[in-house]
Protein backbone atom coordinates (compact mmCIF):
# COMPACT_ATOMS: atom_id res chain seq x y z
CA MET A 1 78.65 27.53 -14.67
CA LYS A 2 78.66 28.99 -11.15
CA GLN A 3 76.21 31.82 -10.44
CA ILE A 4 77.61 35.15 -9.39
CA GLY A 5 77.30 35.52 -5.66
CA SER A 6 76.40 31.88 -5.04
CA SER A 7 79.41 31.41 -2.77
CA LEU A 8 78.30 34.20 -0.46
CA PRO A 9 76.94 33.12 2.94
CA GLU A 10 73.16 33.26 3.35
CA ARG A 11 72.07 36.48 5.06
CA ARG A 12 68.83 37.33 6.77
CA VAL A 13 67.41 40.45 5.16
CA MET A 14 66.48 43.02 7.79
CA ASN A 15 64.10 45.92 7.27
CA SER A 16 65.34 49.35 8.19
CA ILE A 17 62.02 50.53 9.63
CA HIS A 18 59.85 48.07 11.53
CA ILE A 19 56.11 48.40 12.17
CA ILE A 20 54.03 46.85 14.93
CA TYR A 21 50.43 47.42 15.98
CA PRO A 22 50.29 47.36 19.78
CA LYS A 23 46.99 47.01 21.62
CA LYS A 24 46.36 48.04 25.20
CA LYS A 25 44.44 45.81 27.58
CA ARG A 26 44.22 46.37 31.34
CA GLY A 27 47.06 48.90 31.23
CA VAL A 28 49.49 46.66 29.33
CA TRP A 29 50.50 47.15 25.72
CA SER A 30 51.13 44.01 23.67
CA PHE A 31 51.53 43.12 20.00
CA THR A 32 51.53 40.20 17.61
CA ASP A 33 54.02 39.92 14.77
CA LYS A 34 53.60 36.64 12.93
CA GLU A 35 56.71 37.20 10.79
CA ALA A 36 58.84 37.55 13.94
CA GLY A 37 57.10 34.61 15.61
CA LEU A 38 55.65 36.78 18.38
CA ARG A 39 52.09 36.38 19.67
CA LYS A 40 50.58 38.75 22.21
CA GLU A 41 54.07 39.82 23.26
CA PRO A 42 53.64 42.19 26.24
CA PHE A 43 55.66 45.27 26.97
CA VAL A 44 56.71 45.30 30.61
CA GLY A 45 57.23 47.90 33.30
CA ASP A 46 57.95 51.42 32.17
CA ALA A 47 57.81 50.46 28.47
CA ASN A 48 54.03 50.79 28.88
CA GLU A 49 54.42 54.32 30.26
CA LEU A 50 56.80 55.21 27.42
CA ILE A 51 54.24 54.11 24.80
CA ASP A 52 51.50 56.10 26.60
CA GLU A 53 53.76 59.16 26.50
CA LEU A 54 54.54 58.67 22.81
CA VAL A 55 50.79 58.51 22.08
CA LYS A 56 50.37 61.86 23.91
CA PHE A 57 53.47 63.38 22.29
CA TYR A 58 52.19 62.59 18.79
CA GLY A 59 48.64 63.73 19.68
CA ILE A 60 47.04 60.41 18.78
CA LYS A 61 43.41 59.92 19.75
CA LEU A 62 42.95 56.17 20.04
CA GLY A 63 39.52 54.60 19.82
CA ARG A 64 37.44 51.95 18.11
CA LYS A 65 38.37 53.13 14.64
CA LYS A 66 41.86 54.46 15.42
CA LYS A 67 44.46 51.88 16.45
CA LEU A 68 48.10 52.50 17.32
CA THR A 69 50.85 52.01 14.77
CA LEU A 70 54.40 52.05 16.12
CA LEU A 71 57.32 52.48 13.72
CA PHE A 72 60.89 51.98 14.95
CA SER A 73 64.39 51.82 13.54
CA ALA A 74 68.06 51.92 14.45
CA VAL A 75 68.49 54.74 11.93
CA PRO A 76 66.82 58.17 11.96
CA PHE A 77 63.73 58.71 9.84
CA PRO A 78 61.42 61.75 9.40
CA ASP A 79 59.29 62.68 12.44
CA ALA A 80 60.84 59.96 14.62
CA THR A 81 61.67 60.49 18.28
CA LYS A 82 65.14 59.44 19.45
CA LEU A 83 65.51 57.08 22.42
CA ASP A 84 69.02 56.62 23.83
CA ILE A 85 70.41 53.37 25.19
CA SER A 86 70.72 53.61 28.95
CA ASP A 87 71.62 50.12 30.11
CA TRP A 88 72.94 46.98 28.45
CA HIS A 89 75.60 44.44 29.31
CA HIS A 90 76.77 41.64 27.04
CA GLY A 91 74.63 38.59 27.75
CA ASP A 92 71.71 40.54 29.23
CA PRO A 93 68.31 39.28 28.12
CA GLY A 94 67.06 42.76 27.21
CA VAL A 95 68.08 46.37 26.76
CA SER A 96 66.93 49.68 28.26
CA TYR A 97 66.31 52.92 26.39
CA THR A 98 65.49 56.35 27.83
CA TRP A 99 63.26 59.12 26.51
CA ASN A 100 61.72 62.10 28.26
CA GLY A 101 62.86 60.85 31.68
CA ILE A 102 61.38 57.37 31.20
CA GLU A 103 63.67 54.35 31.14
CA ALA A 104 62.02 51.46 29.35
CA TRP A 105 63.37 47.91 29.34
CA LEU A 106 62.77 46.01 26.11
CA CYS A 107 62.71 42.24 26.50
CA PRO A 108 64.57 39.73 24.28
CA ALA A 109 61.77 39.93 21.66
CA PHE A 110 63.55 43.17 20.67
CA TYR A 111 66.31 41.00 19.18
CA CYS A 112 63.90 39.72 16.51
CA TYR A 113 64.22 43.09 14.79
CA PHE A 114 67.93 43.89 14.95
CA ASP A 115 71.16 42.03 14.28
CA ILE A 116 72.76 42.53 17.65
CA SER A 117 75.46 39.91 17.46
CA GLU A 118 77.80 42.40 19.12
CA LYS A 119 75.58 45.01 20.78
CA PRO A 120 72.17 46.67 20.38
CA PRO A 121 71.72 50.02 18.60
CA LYS A 122 72.96 53.04 20.60
CA SER A 123 69.78 54.87 19.69
CA LEU A 124 66.31 53.76 18.75
CA TYR A 125 64.09 55.98 16.60
CA VAL A 126 60.36 55.64 17.22
CA MET A 127 57.20 57.18 15.83
CA ALA A 128 53.62 56.59 16.92
CA ALA A 129 50.86 57.06 14.38
């Protein structure tokens, strides 16, 4: 007997809200996400400034005992800040989002978190904790 749903194509299950734990060293934020296959993945350019501004916006006091947690999603969630897509062209290696006058380019590692077979999310919702 054939199982119900066994003829359906295999799908990768994607979380709605993603969590990373960036660390800052010499002015550059980076993170490791073993599940995504990323190790010490750096943020580049103004993405570092955007994270600094999010830390200020959420009033986070980082220190030895308090590390940064960054939550992000393509769908709104409570207390999240909305970033709007500002630049992307089919085939580009990354995508840019803007918030509070800062345009931040996110490298191809961004694609580990979203199914962007056609295009990346129009908005990105982010919360620092």
